[in-house]
């Protein structure tokens, strides 16, 4: 199964939104990466660190909507490699387990994933 097929399967099992609709939204106003090794959908957002929430504003955070790997490797490191440029932050939801958002400084993630 390819990474995009894994991503679609997970999405179909955990979301009420149609995968094709979400993909279209990201193709129009977000970022999509698809290769034999990795698939990612994300978009740039503004994270207000003081208020601890997303708000309208100049984007400073890459938010990963969905990612899947062919296997092996660190998915955070893979995402950092395929986004077109770094932002101050990177975020993602932990998934179906707890639904909490994870926000990390790009520079700290970069150091941590090099280990």
PDB file of N, CA and C in Angstrom:
ATOM      1  N   UNK A   1       0.851  -1.181   0.000  1.00  0.00           N
ATOM      2  CA  UNK A   1       0.000   0.000   0.000  1.00  0.00           C
ATOM      3  C   UNK A   1       0.896   1.242   0.000  1.00  0.00           C
ATOM      4  N   UNK A   2       0.601   2.175  -0.880  1.00  0.00           N
ATOM      5  CA  UNK A   2       1.402   3.397  -0.964  1.00  0.00           C
ATOM      6  C   UNK A   2       1.062   4.345   0.188  1.00  0.00           C
ATOM      7  N   UNK A   3       1.933   5.331   0.475  1.00  0.00           N
ATOM      8  CA  UNK A   3       1.621   6.270   1.549  1.00  0.00           C
ATOM      9  C   UNK A   3       0.293   7.003   1.371  1.00  0.00           C
ATOM     10  N   UNK A   4      -0.026   7.428   0.146  1.00  0.00           N
ATOM     11  CA  UNK A   4      -1.296   8.148  -0.005  1.00  0.00           C
ATOM     12  C   UNK A   4      -2.480   7.206   0.231  1.00  0.00           C
ATOM     13  N   UNK A   5      -2.337   5.929  -0.126  1.00  0.00           N
ATOM     14  CA  UNK A   5      -3.413   4.970   0.125  1.00  0.00           C
ATOM     15  C   UNK A   5      -3.572   4.719   1.626  1.00  0.00           C
ATOM     16  N   UNK A   6      -2.458   4.641   2.352  1.00  0.00           N
ATOM     17  CA  UNK A   6      -2.517   4.516   3.814  1.00  0.00           C
ATOM     18  C   UNK A   6      -3.211   5.729   4.422  1.00  0.00           C
ATOM     19  N   UNK A   7      -2.851   6.916   3.932  1.00  0.00           N
ATOM     20  CA  UNK A   7      -3.462   8.144   4.445  1.00  0.00           C
ATOM     21  C   UNK A   7      -4.962   8.155   4.186  1.00  0.00           C
ATOM     22  N   UNK A   8      -5.353   7.781   2.980  1.00  0.00           N
ATOM     23  CA  UNK A   8      -6.779   7.748   2.639  1.00  0.00           C
ATOM     24  C   UNK A   8      -7.527   6.746   3.509  1.00  0.00           C
ATOM     25  N   UNK A   9      -6.943   5.579   3.699  1.00  0.00           N
ATOM     26  CA  UNK A   9      -7.590   4.560   4.530  1.00  0.00           C
ATOM     27  C   UNK A   9      -7.796   5.075   5.958  1.00  0.00           C
ATOM     28  N   UNK A  10      -6.754   5.695   6.526  1.00  0.00           N
ATOM     29  CA  UNK A  10      -6.880   6.236   7.884  1.00  0.00           C
ATOM     30  C   UNK A  10      -7.958   7.317   7.913  1.00  0.00           C
ATOM     31  N   UNK A  11      -7.929   8.213   6.935  1.00  0.00           N
ATOM     32  CA  UNK A  11      -8.893   9.316   6.876  1.00  0.00           C
ATOM     33  C   UNK A  11     -10.319   8.783   6.789  1.00  0.00           C
ATOM     34  N   UNK A  12     -10.529   7.821   5.922  1.00  0.00           N
ATOM     35  CA  UNK A  12     -11.865   7.264   5.747  1.00  0.00           C
ATOM     36  C   UNK A  12     -12.395   6.604   7.019  1.00  0.00           C
ATOM     37  N   UNK A  13     -11.501   6.065   7.832  1.00  0.00           N
ATOM     38  CA  UNK A  13     -11.902   5.406   9.077  1.00  0.00           C
ATOM     39  C   UNK A  13     -12.103   6.381  10.230  1.00  0.00           C
ATOM     40  N   UNK A  14     -11.525   7.598  10.144  1.00  0.00           N
ATOM     41  CA  UNK A  14     -11.541   8.512  11.288  1.00  0.00           C
ATOM     42  C   UNK A  14     -12.173   9.871  11.031  1.00  0.00           C
ATOM     43  N   UNK A  15     -12.603  10.155   9.825  1.00  0.00           N
ATOM     44  CA  UNK A  15     -13.156  11.472   9.521  1.00  0.00           C
ATOM     45  C   UNK A  15     -14.507  11.340   8.838  1.00  0.00           C
ATOM     46  N   UNK A  16     -15.339  12.331   9.052  1.00  0.00           N
ATOM     47  CA  UNK A  16     -16.626  12.368   8.361  1.00  0.00           C
ATOM     48  C   UNK A  16     -16.508  13.105   7.026  1.00  0.00           C
ATOM     49  N   UNK A  17     -15.423  13.842   6.831  1.00  0.00           N
ATOM     50  CA  UNK A  17     -15.201  14.554   5.573  1.00  0.00           C
ATOM     51  C   UNK A  17     -14.640  13.592   4.528  1.00  0.00           C
ATOM     52  N   UNK A  18     -15.070  13.743   3.301  1.00  0.00           N
ATOM     53  CA  UNK A  18     -14.580  12.922   2.205  1.00  0.00           C
ATOM     54  C   UNK A  18     -13.103  13.233   1.953  1.00  0.00           C
ATOM     55  N   UNK A  19     -12.302  12.212   1.766  1.00  0.00           N
ATOM     56  CA  UNK A  19     -10.867  12.385   1.542  1.00  0.00           C
ATOM     57  C   UNK A  19     -10.599  13.250   0.311  1.00  0.00           C
ATOM     58  N   UNK A  20     -11.314  13.004  -0.778  1.00  0.00           N
ATOM     59  CA  UNK A  20     -11.111  13.773  -2.014  1.00  0.00           C
ATOM     60  C   UNK A  20     -11.413  15.253  -1.809  1.00  0.00           C
ATOM     61  N   UNK A  21     -12.429  15.545  -1.011  1.00  0.00           N
ATOM     62  CA  UNK A  21     -12.771  16.934  -0.702  1.00  0.00           C
ATOM     63  C   UNK A  21     -11.639  17.601   0.079  1.00  0.00           C
ATOM     64  N   UNK A  22     -11.129  16.907   1.087  1.00  0.00           N
ATOM     65  CA  UNK A  22     -10.031  17.445   1.890  1.00  0.00           C
ATOM     66  C   UNK A  22      -8.782  17.638   1.031  1.00  0.00           C
ATOM     67  N   UNK A  23      -8.477  16.654   0.197  1.00  0.00           N
ATOM     68  CA  UNK A  23      -7.328  16.749  -0.697  1.00  0.00           C
ATOM     69  C   UNK A  23      -7.479  17.952  -1.630  1.00  0.00           C
ATOM     70  N   UNK A  24      -8.665  18.135  -2.191  1.00  0.00           N
ATOM     71  CA  UNK A  24      -8.918  19.277  -3.069  1.00  0.00           C
ATOM     72  C   UNK A  24      -8.707  20.604  -2.358  1.00  0.00           C
ATOM     73  N   UNK A  25      -9.157  20.700  -1.106  1.00  0.00           N
ATOM     74  CA  UNK A  25      -8.952  21.922  -0.326  1.00  0.00           C
ATOM     75  C   UNK A  25      -7.462  22.211  -0.152  1.00  0.00           C
ATOM     76  N   UNK A  26      -6.695  21.168   0.127  1.00  0.00           N
ATOM     77  CA  UNK A  26      -5.255  21.360   0.328  1.00  0.00           C
ATOM     78  C   UNK A  26      -4.538  21.662  -0.988  1.00  0.00           C
ATOM     79  N   UNK A  27      -5.005  21.088  -2.093  1.00  0.00           N
ATOM     80  CA  UNK A  27      -4.419  21.407  -3.390  1.00  0.00           C
ATOM     81  C   UNK A  27      -4.699  22.858  -3.766  1.00  0.00           C
ATOM     82  N   UNK A  28      -5.851  23.384  -3.360  1.00  0.00           N
ATOM     83  CA  UNK A  28      -6.235  24.757  -3.675  1.00  0.00           C
ATOM     84  C   UNK A  28      -5.621  25.786  -2.742  1.00  0.00           C
ATOM     85  N   UNK A  29      -5.563  25.488  -1.453  1.00  0.00           N
ATOM     86  CA  UNK A  29      -5.161  26.514  -0.480  1.00  0.00           C
ATOM     87  C   UNK A  29      -4.251  25.964   0.614  1.00  0.00           C
ATOM     88  N   UNK A  30      -3.516  24.932   0.309  1.00  0.00           N
ATOM     89  CA  UNK A  30      -2.635  24.351   1.313  1.00  0.00           C
ATOM     90  C   UNK A  30      -1.394  23.800   0.653  1.00  0.00           C
ATOM     91  N   UNK A  31      -0.939  22.691   1.170  1.00  0.00           N
ATOM     92  CA  UNK A  31       0.273  22.072   0.652  1.00  0.00           C
ATOM     93  C   UNK A  31       0.082  20.559   0.630  1.00  0.00           C
ATOM     94  N   UNK A  32       0.461  19.941  -0.492  1.00  0.00           N
ATOM     95  CA  UNK A  32       0.360  18.487  -0.629  1.00  0.00           C
ATOM     96  C   UNK A  32       1.683  17.963  -1.170  1.00  0.00           C
ATOM     97  N   UNK A  33       2.169  16.894  -0.556  1.00  0.00           N
ATOM     98  CA  UNK A  33       3.366  16.196  -1.020  1.00  0.00           C
ATOM     99  C   UNK A  33       3.012  14.724  -1.146  1.00  0.00           C
ATOM    100  N   UNK A  34       3.343  14.140  -2.283  1.00  0.00           N
ATOM    101  CA  UNK A  34       3.102  12.718  -2.462  1.00  0.00           C
ATOM    102  C   UNK A  34       4.267  12.105  -3.220  1.00  0.00           C
ATOM    103  N   UNK A  35       4.869  11.097  -2.624  1.00  0.00           N
ATOM    104  CA  UNK A  35       5.965  10.369  -3.253  1.00  0.00           C
ATOM    105  C   UNK A  35       5.808   8.899  -2.873  1.00  0.00           C
ATOM    106  N   UNK A  36       6.593   8.021  -3.442  1.00  0.00           N
ATOM    107  CA  UNK A  36       6.514   6.609  -3.048  1.00  0.00           C
ATOM    108  C   UNK A  36       6.893   6.369  -1.584  1.00  0.00           C
ATOM    109  N   UNK A  37       7.584   7.331  -0.966  1.00  0.00           N
ATOM    110  CA  UNK A  37       8.023   7.166   0.418  1.00  0.00           C
ATOM    111  C   UNK A  37       7.152   7.886   1.449  1.00  0.00           C
ATOM    112  N   UNK A  38       6.487   8.993   1.048  1.00  0.00           N
ATOM    113  CA  UNK A  38       5.826   9.837   2.038  1.00  0.00           C
ATOM    114  C   UNK A  38       4.679  10.615   1.401  1.00  0.00           C
ATOM    115  N   UNK A  39       3.602  10.794   2.185  1.00  0.00           N
ATOM    116  CA  UNK A  39       2.456  11.602   1.774  1.00  0.00           C
ATOM    117  C   UNK A  39       2.158  12.581   2.886  1.00  0.00           C
ATOM    118  N   UNK A  40       1.851  13.834   2.502  1.00  0.00           N
ATOM    119  CA  UNK A  40       1.549  14.860   3.501  1.00  0.00           C
ATOM    120  C   UNK A  40       0.540  15.846   2.940  1.00  0.00           C
ATOM    121  N   UNK A  41      -0.431  16.223   3.782  1.00  0.00           N
ATOM    122  CA  UNK A  41      -1.318  17.353   3.515  1.00  0.00           C
ATOM    123  C   UNK A  41      -1.164  18.299   4.693  1.00  0.00           C
ATOM    124  N   UNK A  42      -0.960  19.569   4.404  1.00  0.00           N
ATOM    125  CA  UNK A  42      -0.817  20.544   5.477  1.00  0.00           C
ATOM    126  C   UNK A  42      -1.146  21.934   4.967  1.00  0.00           C
ATOM    127  N   UNK A  43      -1.083  22.886   5.871  1.00  0.00           N
ATOM    128  CA  UNK A  43      -1.305  24.272   5.483  1.00  0.00           C
ATOM    129  C   UNK A  43      -0.631  25.195   6.490  1.00  0.00           C
ATOM    130  N   UNK A  44      -0.359  26.405   6.038  1.00  0.00           N
ATOM    131  CA  UNK A  44       0.278  27.411   6.880  1.00  0.00           C
ATOM    132  C   UNK A  44      -0.800  28.160   7.667  1.00  0.00           C
ATOM    133  N   UNK A  45      -0.529  28.351   8.963  1.00  0.00           N
ATOM    134  CA  UNK A  45      -1.478  29.052   9.845  1.00  0.00           C
ATOM    135  C   UNK A  45      -0.708  29.964  10.779  1.00  0.00           C
ATOM    136  N   UNK A  46      -1.432  30.861  11.436  1.00  0.00           N
ATOM    137  CA  UNK A  46      -0.817  31.714  12.452  1.00  0.00           C
ATOM    138  C   UNK A  46      -1.118  31.135  13.826  1.00  0.00           C
ATOM    139  N   UNK A  47      -0.081  30.832  14.584  1.00  0.00           N
ATOM    140  CA  UNK A  47      -0.213  30.326  15.948  1.00  0.00           C
ATOM    141  C   UNK A  47       0.131  31.456  16.911  1.00  0.00           C
ATOM    142  N   UNK A  48      -0.840  31.819  17.748  1.00  0.00           N
ATOM    143  CA  UNK A  48      -0.614  32.816  18.785  1.00  0.00           C
ATOM    144  C   UNK A  48      -0.122  32.076  20.028  1.00  0.00           C
ATOM    145  N   UNK A  49       1.169  32.115  20.261  1.00  0.00           N
ATOM    146  CA  UNK A  49       1.760  31.397  21.386  1.00  0.00           C
ATOM    147  C   UNK A  49       1.293  31.887  22.737  1.00  0.00           C
ATOM    148  N   UNK A  50       1.032  33.189  22.847  1.00  0.00           N
ATOM    149  CA  UNK A  50       0.563  33.735  24.126  1.00  0.00           C
ATOM    150  C   UNK A  50      -0.839  33.243  24.460  1.00  0.00           C
ATOM    151  N   UNK A  51      -1.711  33.243  23.471  1.00  0.00           N
ATOM    152  CA  UNK A  51      -3.097  32.817  23.678  1.00  0.00           C
ATOM    153  C   UNK A  51      -3.277  31.317  23.492  1.00  0.00           C
ATOM    154  N   UNK A  52      -2.241  30.650  22.967  1.00  0.00           N
ATOM    155  CA  UNK A  52      -2.279  29.202  22.728  1.00  0.00           C
ATOM    156  C   UNK A  52      -3.442  28.794  21.826  1.00  0.00           C
ATOM    157  N   UNK A  53      -3.518  29.480  20.661  1.00  0.00           N
ATOM    158  CA  UNK A  53      -4.564  29.134  19.703  1.00  0.00           C
ATOM    159  C   UNK A  53      -4.191  29.637  18.308  1.00  0.00           C
ATOM    160  N   UNK A  54      -4.845  29.050  17.312  1.00  0.00           N
ATOM    161  CA  UNK A  54      -4.709  29.530  15.942  1.00  0.00           C
ATOM    162  C   UNK A  54      -5.612  30.733  15.767  1.00  0.00           C
ATOM    163  N   UNK A  55      -5.124  31.721  15.015  1.00  0.00           N
ATOM    164  CA  UNK A  55      -5.876  32.939  14.751  1.00  0.00           C
ATOM    165  C   UNK A  55      -5.591  33.403  13.329  1.00  0.00           C
ATOM    166  N   UNK A  56      -6.403  34.335  12.817  1.00  0.00           N
ATOM    167  CA  UNK A  56      -6.062  34.946  11.530  1.00  0.00           C
ATOM    168  C   UNK A  56      -4.760  35.731  11.682  1.00  0.00           C
ATOM    169  N   UNK A  57      -3.956  35.715  10.662  1.00  0.00           N
ATOM    170  CA  UNK A  57      -2.708  36.474  10.710  1.00  0.00           C
ATOM    171  C   UNK A  57      -1.668  35.873   9.782  1.00  0.00           C
ATOM    172  N   UNK A  58      -0.525  36.512   9.723  1.00  0.00           N
ATOM    173  CA  UNK A  58       0.577  36.051   8.884  1.00  0.00           C
ATOM    174  C   UNK A  58       1.035  34.681   9.378  1.00  0.00           C
ATOM    175  N   UNK A  59       1.023  33.676   8.521  1.00  0.00           N
ATOM    176  CA  UNK A  59       1.368  32.322   8.963  1.00  0.00           C
ATOM    177  C   UNK A  59       2.776  32.221   9.566  1.00  0.00           C
ATOM    178  N   UNK A  60       2.855  31.478  10.656  1.00  0.00           N
ATOM    179  CA  UNK A  60       4.136  31.203  11.305  1.00  0.00           C
ATOM    180  C   UNK A  60       4.244  29.726  11.707  1.00  0.00           C
ATOM    181  N   UNK A  61       3.309  28.913  11.214  1.00  0.00           N
ATOM    182  CA  UNK A  61       3.235  27.513  11.630  1.00  0.00           C
ATOM    183  C   UNK A  61       2.772  26.644  10.457  1.00  0.00           C
ATOM    184  N   UNK A  62       3.487  25.550  10.238  1.00  0.00           N
ATOM    185  CA  UNK A  62       2.987  24.531   9.313  1.00  0.00           C
ATOM    186  C   UNK A  62       2.146  23.561  10.122  1.00  0.00           C
ATOM    187  N   UNK A  63       0.892  23.423   9.754  1.00  0.00           N
ATOM    188  CA  UNK A  63       0.016  22.459  10.421  1.00  0.00           C
ATOM    189  C   UNK A  63      -0.140  21.235   9.528  1.00  0.00           C
ATOM    190  N   UNK A  64       0.241  20.079  10.052  1.00  0.00           N
ATOM    191  CA  UNK A  64       0.114  18.821   9.324  1.00  0.00           C
ATOM    192  C   UNK A  64      -1.306  18.300   9.519  1.00  0.00           C
ATOM    193  N   UNK A  65      -2.060  18.223   8.445  1.00  0.00           N
ATOM    194  CA  UNK A  65      -3.412  17.682   8.503  1.00  0.00           C
ATOM    195  C   UNK A  65      -3.381  16.161   8.490  1.00  0.00           C
ATOM    196  N   UNK A  66      -2.542  15.608   7.615  1.00  0.00           N
ATOM    197  CA  UNK A  66      -2.466  14.160   7.462  1.00  0.00           C
ATOM    198  C   UNK A  66      -1.122  13.794   6.861  1.00  0.00           C
ATOM    199  N   UNK A  67      -0.510  12.745   7.391  1.00  0.00           N
ATOM    200  CA  UNK A  67       0.759  12.269   6.855  1.00  0.00           C
ATOM    201  C   UNK A  67       0.819  10.756   6.971  1.00  0.00           C
ATOM    202  N   UNK A  68       1.515  10.143   6.027  1.00  0.00           N
ATOM    203  CA  UNK A  68       1.705   8.694   6.059  1.00  0.00           C
ATOM    204  C   UNK A  68       3.031   8.374   5.383  1.00  0.00           C
ATOM    205  N   UNK A  69       3.665   7.332   5.893  1.00  0.00           N
ATOM    206  CA  UNK A  69       4.970   6.931   5.395  1.00  0.00           C
ATOM    207  C   UNK A  69       4.914   5.509   4.838  1.00  0.00           C
ATOM    208  N   UNK A  70       5.831   5.213   3.936  1.00  0.00           N
ATOM    209  CA  UNK A  70       5.944   3.856   3.396  1.00  0.00           C
ATOM    210  C   UNK A  70       6.507   2.916   4.454  1.00  0.00           C
ATOM    211  N   UNK A  71       7.049   3.465   5.501  1.00  0.00           N
ATOM    212  CA  UNK A  71       7.617   2.659   6.576  1.00  0.00           C
ATOM    213  C   UNK A  71       9.011   3.124   6.911  1.00  0.00           C
ATOM    214  N   UNK A  72       9.325   3.056   8.185  1.00  0.00           N
ATOM    215  CA  UNK A  72      10.644   3.488   8.616  1.00  0.00           C
ATOM    216  C   UNK A  72      10.765   4.999   8.604  1.00  0.00           C
ATOM    217  N   UNK A  73      11.802   5.471   9.232  1.00  0.00           N
ATOM    218  CA  UNK A  73      12.039   6.906   9.270  1.00  0.00           C
ATOM    219  C   UNK A  73      11.158   7.608  10.280  1.00  0.00           C
ATOM    220  N   UNK A  74      11.539   8.811  10.588  1.00  0.00           N
ATOM    221  CA  UNK A  74      10.818   9.637  11.542  1.00  0.00           C
ATOM    222  C   UNK A  74       9.824  10.508  10.771  1.00  0.00           C
ATOM    223  N   UNK A  75       8.508  10.368  11.016  1.00  0.00           N
ATOM    224  CA  UNK A  75       7.527  11.131  10.230  1.00  0.00           C
ATOM    225  C   UNK A  75       7.650  12.642  10.417  1.00  0.00           C
ATOM    226  N   UNK A  76       8.078  13.084  11.602  1.00  0.00           N
ATOM    227  CA  UNK A  76       8.257  14.526  11.812  1.00  0.00           C
ATOM    228  C   UNK A  76       9.416  15.022  10.952  1.00  0.00           C
ATOM    229  N   UNK A  77      10.496  14.289  10.950  1.00  0.00           N
ATOM    230  CA  UNK A  77      11.650  14.657  10.123  1.00  0.00           C
ATOM    231  C   UNK A  77      11.254  14.652   8.646  1.00  0.00           C
ATOM    232  N   UNK A  78      10.479  13.651   8.236  1.00  0.00           N
ATOM    233  CA  UNK A  78      10.033  13.596   6.840  1.00  0.00           C
ATOM    234  C   UNK A  78       9.191  14.819   6.492  1.00  0.00           C
ATOM    235  N   UNK A  79       8.283  15.211   7.375  1.00  0.00           N
ATOM    236  CA  UNK A  79       7.443  16.390   7.126  1.00  0.00           C
ATOM    237  C   UNK A  79       8.308  17.640   7.021  1.00  0.00           C
ATOM    238  N   UNK A  80       9.289  17.772   7.906  1.00  0.00           N
ATOM    239  CA  UNK A  80      10.154  18.946   7.879  1.00  0.00           C
ATOM    240  C   UNK A  80      10.948  19.019   6.577  1.00  0.00           C
ATOM    241  N   UNK A  81      11.273  17.884   6.011  1.00  0.00           N
ATOM    242  CA  UNK A  81      12.022  17.863   4.744  1.00  0.00           C
ATOM    243  C   UNK A  81      11.166  18.272   3.544  1.00  0.00           C
ATOM    244  N   UNK A  82       9.875  17.967   3.579  1.00  0.00           N
ATOM    245  CA  UNK A  82       9.063  18.211   2.383  1.00  0.00           C
ATOM    246  C   UNK A  82       8.328  19.550   2.390  1.00  0.00           C
ATOM    247  N   UNK A  83       8.146  20.187   3.558  1.00  0.00           N
ATOM    248  CA  UNK A  83       7.553  21.522   3.534  1.00  0.00           C
ATOM    249  C   UNK A  83       8.504  22.448   2.773  1.00  0.00           C
ATOM    250  N   UNK A  84       7.968  23.403   2.012  1.00  0.00           N
ATOM    251  CA  UNK A  84       8.831  24.199   1.137  1.00  0.00           C
ATOM    252  C   UNK A  84       9.809  25.131   1.857  1.00  0.00           C
ATOM    253  N   UNK A  85       9.529  25.484   3.091  1.00  0.00           N
ATOM    254  CA  UNK A  85      10.420  26.351   3.868  1.00  0.00           C
ATOM    255  C   UNK A  85      10.042  26.216   5.344  1.00  0.00           C
ATOM    256  N   UNK A  86      10.966  26.511   6.234  1.00  0.00           N
ATOM    257  CA  UNK A  86      10.644  26.403   7.665  1.00  0.00           C
ATOM    258  C   UNK A  86       9.727  27.538   8.122  1.00  0.00           C
ATOM    259  N   UNK A  87       8.994  27.249   9.169  1.00  0.00           N
ATOM    260  CA  UNK A  87       8.188  28.247   9.862  1.00  0.00           C
ATOM    261  C   UNK A  87       8.690  28.287  11.315  1.00  0.00           C
ATOM    262  N   UNK A  88       8.134  29.162  12.115  1.00  0.00           N
ATOM    263  CA  UNK A  88       8.521  29.221  13.525  1.00  0.00           C
ATOM    264  C   UNK A  88       8.045  27.982  14.282  1.00  0.00           C
ATOM    265  N   UNK A  89       6.872  27.453  13.878  1.00  0.00           N
ATOM    266  CA  UNK A  89       6.281  26.306  14.559  1.00  0.00           C
ATOM    267  C   UNK A  89       5.862  25.234  13.556  1.00  0.00           C
ATOM    268  N   UNK A  90       5.643  24.046  14.079  1.00  0.00           N
ATOM    269  CA  UNK A  90       4.991  22.978  13.324  1.00  0.00           C
ATOM    270  C   UNK A  90       3.983  22.334  14.270  1.00  0.00           C
ATOM    271  N   UNK A  91       2.815  21.985  13.739  1.00  0.00           N
ATOM    272  CA  UNK A  91       1.768  21.416  14.581  1.00  0.00           C
ATOM    273  C   UNK A  91       1.100  20.240  13.888  1.00  0.00           C
ATOM    274  N   UNK A  92       0.448  19.423  14.705  1.00  0.00           N
ATOM    275  CA  UNK A  92      -0.332  18.294  14.207  1.00  0.00           C
ATOM    276  C   UNK A  92      -1.230  17.815  15.335  1.00  0.00           C
ATOM    277  N   UNK A  93      -2.288  17.107  14.967  1.00  0.00           N
ATOM    278  CA  UNK A  93      -3.123  16.450  15.959  1.00  0.00           C
ATOM    279  C   UNK A  93      -2.527  15.085  16.227  1.00  0.00           C
ATOM    280  N   UNK A  94      -2.597  14.648  17.446  1.00  0.00           N
ATOM    281  CA  UNK A  94      -2.019  13.362  17.818  1.00  0.00           C
ATOM    282  C   UNK A  94      -2.767  12.212  17.172  1.00  0.00           C
ATOM    283  N   UNK A  95      -3.980  12.443  16.762  1.00  0.00           N
ATOM    284  CA  UNK A  95      -4.737  11.391  16.094  1.00  0.00           C
ATOM    285  C   UNK A  95      -5.975  11.025  16.863  1.00  0.00           C
ATOM    286  N   UNK A  96      -6.510   9.893  16.529  1.00  0.00           N
ATOM    287  CA  UNK A  96      -7.778   9.456  17.101  1.00  0.00           C
ATOM    288  C   UNK A  96      -7.664   9.158  18.591  1.00  0.00           C
ATOM    289  N   UNK A  97      -6.448   8.948  19.066  1.00  0.00           N
ATOM    290  CA  UNK A  97      -6.289   8.575  20.481  1.00  0.00           C
ATOM    291  C   UNK A  97      -6.757   9.643  21.444  1.00  0.00           C
ATOM    292  N   UNK A  98      -6.301  10.884  21.256  1.00  0.00           N
ATOM    293  CA  UNK A  98      -6.696  11.903  22.229  1.00  0.00           C
ATOM    294  C   UNK A  98      -7.165  13.214  21.599  1.00  0.00           C
ATOM    295  N   UNK A  99      -6.972  13.403  20.295  1.00  0.00           N
ATOM    296  CA  UNK A  99      -7.464  14.590  19.620  1.00  0.00           C
ATOM    297  C   UNK A  99      -6.779  15.885  20.001  1.00  0.00           C
ATOM    298  N   UNK A 100      -5.715  15.819  20.791  1.00  0.00           N
ATOM    299  CA  UNK A 100      -5.023  17.046  21.205  1.00  0.00           C
ATOM    300  C   UNK A 100      -4.036  17.506  20.136  1.00  0.00           C
ATOM    301  N   UNK A 101      -3.916  18.811  20.031  1.00  0.00           N
ATOM    302  CA  UNK A 101      -2.970  19.367  19.072  1.00  0.00           C
ATOM    303  C   UNK A 101      -1.587  19.433  19.716  1.00  0.00           C
ATOM    304  N   UNK A 102      -0.582  19.186  18.913  1.00  0.00           N
ATOM    305  CA  UNK A 102       0.807  19.290  19.347  1.00  0.00           C
ATOM    306  C   UNK A 102       1.421  20.465  18.607  1.00  0.00           C
ATOM    307  N   UNK A 103       2.028  21.372  19.314  1.00  0.00           N
ATOM    308  CA  UNK A 103       2.714  22.528  18.742  1.00  0.00           C
ATOM    309  C   UNK A 103       4.150  22.477  19.236  1.00  0.00           C
ATOM    310  N   UNK A 104       5.081  22.578  18.297  1.00  0.00           N
ATOM    311  CA  UNK A 104       6.499  22.563  18.659  1.00  0.00           C
ATOM    312  C   UNK A 104       7.232  23.623  17.846  1.00  0.00           C
ATOM    313  N   UNK A 105       8.247  24.194  18.441  1.00  0.00           N
ATOM    314  CA  UNK A 105       9.102  25.133  17.715  1.00  0.00           C
ATOM    315  C   UNK A 105       9.889  24.367  16.662  1.00  0.00           C
ATOM    316  N   UNK A 106       9.941  24.929  15.472  1.00  0.00           N
ATOM    317  CA  UNK A 106      10.623  24.287  14.352  1.00  0.00           C
ATOM    318  C   UNK A 106      12.084  24.012  14.696  1.00  0.00           C
ATOM    319  N   UNK A 107      12.778  24.991  15.265  1.00  0.00           N
ATOM    320  CA  UNK A 107      14.204  24.819  15.551  1.00  0.00           C
ATOM    321  C   UNK A 107      14.453  23.698  16.555  1.00  0.00           C
ATOM    322  N   UNK A 108      13.600  23.573  17.558  1.00  0.00           N
ATOM    323  CA  UNK A 108      13.769  22.490  18.539  1.00  0.00           C
ATOM    324  C   UNK A 108      13.454  21.136  17.915  1.00  0.00           C
ATOM    325  N   UNK A 109      12.425  21.073  17.071  1.00  0.00           N
ATOM    326  CA  UNK A 109      12.116  19.825  16.371  1.00  0.00           C
ATOM    327  C   UNK A 109      13.276  19.410  15.468  1.00  0.00           C
ATOM    328  N   UNK A 110      13.837  20.379  14.803  1.00  0.00           N
ATOM    329  CA  UNK A 110      14.940  20.106  13.898  1.00  0.00           C
ATOM    330  C   UNK A 110      16.116  19.488  14.650  1.00  0.00           C
ATOM    331  N   UNK A 111      16.442  20.040  15.783  1.00  0.00           N
ATOM    332  CA  UNK A 111      17.533  19.487  16.612  1.00  0.00           C
ATOM    333  C   UNK A 111      17.174  18.100  17.134  1.00  0.00           C
ATOM    334  N   UNK A 112      15.957  17.944  17.597  1.00  0.00           N
ATOM    335  CA  UNK A 112      15.533  16.669  18.188  1.00  0.00           C
ATOM    336  C   UNK A 112      15.488  15.536  17.154  1.00  0.00           C
ATOM    337  N   UNK A 113      15.126  15.858  15.920  1.00  0.00           N
ATOM    338  CA  UNK A 113      15.006  14.802  14.920  1.00  0.00           C
ATOM    339  C   UNK A 113      16.346  14.440  14.281  1.00  0.00           C
ATOM    340  N   UNK A 114      17.394  15.212  14.558  1.00  0.00           N
ATOM    341  CA  UNK A 114      18.715  14.892  14.037  1.00  0.00           C
ATOM    342  C   UNK A 114      19.404  13.811  14.862  1.00  0.00           C
ATOM    343  N   UNK A 115      18.925  13.583  16.068  1.00  0.00           N
ATOM    344  CA  UNK A 115      19.558  12.599  16.963  1.00  0.00           C
ATOM    345  C   UNK A 115      19.418  11.206  16.442  1.00  0.00           C
TER     346      UNK A 115
END
